[in-house]
Amino acid sequence: MVDSIADMITRIRNASAVGKNEVVLPMSKVKFAVAKILEEEGWVGKTEVVKGNSSKDKKDGGYIFDQLKIVLRYKKSGRPAISCLKRVSKPGLRVYAKKDRLPRVLNNLGIAIISTPQGIMTNKEARKKGIGGEVLCEIY
C-alpha cells in the first residue's frame, strides 16, 4: 500500500456510509495523530490503540501488530457526523500551503489537517502559530 492516509480516510468514509460503529486499521504514528485531531475536533467519538499479541498462534483470532480503533459518531437523525472527508495531498501531487495561504474549509465550518514541521495540526492551529505545511485532508 502506497498511501496509508488515503486508506485510513477511505475506511472511515466507507464505515460511516454503511453505519458501522467502529473502524479498526493498522497502527502508525501519523494515522494516530490524524485520528486524535478528529477526536479533539468532535468528528469521531473515541480513538484508541489496541496492542497486538506477541504470540505467533493465530488460532485465537489474535494479531501480531498494533491496531488503531476509531469509534465513529452519528447525529441524532442517524446520519454520520462527517459528511465529507477527502484527501488533498497525494503521493503523485503534493499540496503545500504557506502560512498566509492556509485553506479555509467550508468558511471555517470544517477543518483541514496540516502536516507541519511542528507536528500534525489543524489549519486553525497552524494559522495561530504562523506556520505552513502539507495539506493532508479536509473534513466537513
Protein backbone atom coordinates (compact mmCIF):
# COMPACT_ATOMS: atom_id res chain seq x y z
CA MET A 1 0.00 0.00 0.00
CA VAL A 2 1.48 3.32 -1.04
CA ASP A 3 -0.77 5.87 0.68
CA SER A 4 -1.74 4.80 4.19
CA ILE A 5 -3.57 8.06 5.00
CA ALA A 6 -5.80 7.67 1.93
CA ASP A 7 -6.51 4.10 3.05
CA MET A 8 -7.49 5.36 6.51
CA ILE A 9 -9.75 8.05 5.07
CA THR A 10 -11.43 5.56 2.74
CA ARG A 11 -12.02 3.09 5.56
CA ILE A 12 -13.62 5.80 7.73
CA ARG A 13 -15.76 7.04 4.83
CA ASN A 14 -16.94 3.52 3.91
CA ALA A 15 -17.69 2.52 7.51
CA SER A 16 -19.73 5.65 8.16
CA ALA A 17 -21.63 5.17 4.88
CA VAL A 18 -22.89 1.74 5.97
CA GLY A 19 -23.46 2.69 9.62
CA LYS A 20 -20.64 0.82 11.36
CA ASN A 21 -19.87 1.74 14.97
CA GLU A 22 -16.09 1.50 14.72
CA VAL A 23 -13.20 1.17 12.29
CA VAL A 24 -10.10 -0.93 13.00
CA LEU A 25 -6.99 -0.33 10.92
CA PRO A 26 -3.24 -0.87 11.14
CA MET A 27 -1.48 1.47 13.56
CA SER A 28 1.00 4.17 12.59
CA LYS A 29 2.04 7.40 14.31
CA VAL A 30 0.71 9.61 11.50
CA LYS A 31 -2.67 7.86 11.41
CA PHE A 32 -2.90 8.08 15.20
CA ALA A 33 -2.16 11.84 15.10
CA VAL A 34 -4.83 12.39 12.42
CA ALA A 35 -7.35 10.31 14.40
CA LYS A 36 -6.59 12.25 17.60
CA ILE A 37 -7.26 15.53 15.77
CA LEU A 38 -10.57 14.12 14.51
CA GLU A 39 -11.43 13.14 18.09
CA GLU A 40 -10.45 16.53 19.57
CA GLU A 41 -12.49 18.39 16.96
CA GLY A 42 -15.54 16.19 17.60
CA TRP A 43 -15.77 14.39 14.24
CA VAL A 44 -15.24 10.90 15.73
CA GLY A 45 -16.08 9.51 19.14
CA LYS A 46 -13.01 7.81 20.56
CA THR A 47 -9.58 6.79 19.32
CA GLU A 48 -7.51 4.08 20.95
CA VAL A 49 -4.56 1.82 20.23
CA VAL A 50 -5.22 -1.91 20.60
CA LYS A 51 -1.97 -3.72 21.39
CA GLY A 52 -1.18 -6.77 19.31
CA ASN A 53 -0.31 -10.21 20.66
CA SER A 54 3.31 -11.22 20.57
CA SER A 55 2.35 -14.88 20.21
CA LYS A 56 2.60 -16.48 16.80
CA ASP A 57 -0.58 -18.51 17.41
CA LYS A 58 -3.40 -17.05 15.33
CA LYS A 59 -5.97 -19.67 16.35
CA ASP A 60 -7.42 -17.34 18.97
CA GLY A 61 -8.12 -14.66 16.32
CA GLY A 62 -5.23 -12.54 17.53
CA TYR A 63 -2.92 -10.38 15.52
CA ILE A 64 0.73 -9.50 15.86
CA PHE A 65 0.80 -5.78 15.13
CA ASP A 66 -0.89 -2.91 16.94
CA GLN A 67 -4.28 -1.76 15.65
CA LEU A 68 -5.92 1.67 15.68
CA LYS A 69 -9.59 1.59 16.70
CA ILE A 70 -11.74 4.61 15.84
CA VAL A 71 -15.31 4.85 17.17
CA LEU A 72 -17.49 6.80 14.73
CA ARG A 73 -20.03 9.47 15.67
CA TYR A 74 -23.51 9.87 14.26
CA LYS A 75 -26.13 12.63 14.57
CA LYS A 76 -29.49 12.04 16.26
CA SER A 77 -31.05 11.53 12.83
CA GLY A 78 -28.65 8.61 12.22
CA ARG A 79 -26.55 10.43 9.63
CA PRO A 80 -22.76 10.40 10.02
CA ALA A 81 -21.10 13.38 11.74
CA ILE A 82 -18.61 13.53 8.84
CA SER A 83 -20.38 14.46 5.62
CA CYS A 84 -17.21 14.80 3.54
CA LEU A 85 -13.70 13.51 4.16
CA LYS A 86 -11.25 13.84 1.30
CA ARG A 87 -7.53 13.53 0.73
CA VAL A 88 -5.90 16.70 -0.65
CA SER A 89 -2.19 15.95 -0.94
CA LYS A 90 -1.49 12.69 -2.74
CA PRO A 91 1.76 10.85 -3.50
CA GLY A 92 1.54 11.89 -7.15
CA LEU A 93 0.69 15.54 -6.40
CA ARG A 94 1.78 17.01 -3.10
CA VAL A 95 -0.11 20.12 -1.98
CA TYR A 96 1.68 22.58 0.28
CA ALA A 97 0.35 25.80 1.81
CA LYS A 98 2.31 28.77 3.09
CA LYS A 99 1.36 30.34 6.40
CA ASP A 100 -0.66 33.09 4.71
CA ARG A 101 -2.32 30.69 2.22
CA LEU A 102 -3.72 28.03 4.60
CA PRO A 103 -7.05 26.65 3.35
CA ARG A 104 -10.41 27.62 4.80
CA VAL A 105 -12.77 24.65 4.63
CA LEU A 106 -16.46 25.49 4.19
CA ASN A 107 -15.95 29.04 5.51
CA ASN A 108 -14.24 27.66 8.67
CA LEU A 109 -17.07 25.22 9.50
CA GLY A 110 -14.81 22.32 8.52
CA ILE A 111 -11.13 21.69 9.15
CA ALA A 112 -8.05 20.88 7.14
CA ILE A 113 -5.32 18.72 8.66
CA ILE A 114 -1.84 20.08 8.00
CA SER A 115 1.50 18.31 8.43
CA THR A 116 3.91 20.99 9.67
CA PRO A 117 7.49 20.94 10.97
CA GLN A 118 5.98 21.21 14.49
CA GLY A 119 3.71 18.21 14.01
CA ILE A 120 0.29 17.43 12.58
CA MET A 121 -2.36 20.03 13.40
CA THR A 122 -5.50 21.71 12.09
CA ASN A 123 -5.46 24.68 9.76
CA LYS A 124 -6.71 26.91 12.61
CA GLU A 125 -3.82 25.93 14.90
CA ALA A 126 -1.30 26.40 12.08
CA ARG A 127 -2.75 29.84 11.35
CA LYS A 128 -2.38 30.83 15.03
CA LYS A 129 1.22 29.58 15.14
CA GLY A 130 2.04 31.18 11.78
CA ILE A 131 3.39 28.08 10.04
CA GLY A 132 2.54 26.28 6.82
CA GLY A 133 2.97 22.73 5.61
CA GLU A 134 1.48 19.89 3.59
CA VAL A 135 -2.34 19.80 3.44
CA LEU A 136 -3.22 16.17 4.22
CA CYS A 137 -7.02 16.19 4.15
CA GLU A 138 -10.21 18.21 4.55
CA ILE A 139 -13.19 17.33 6.75
CA TYR A 140 -16.68 18.84 6.93
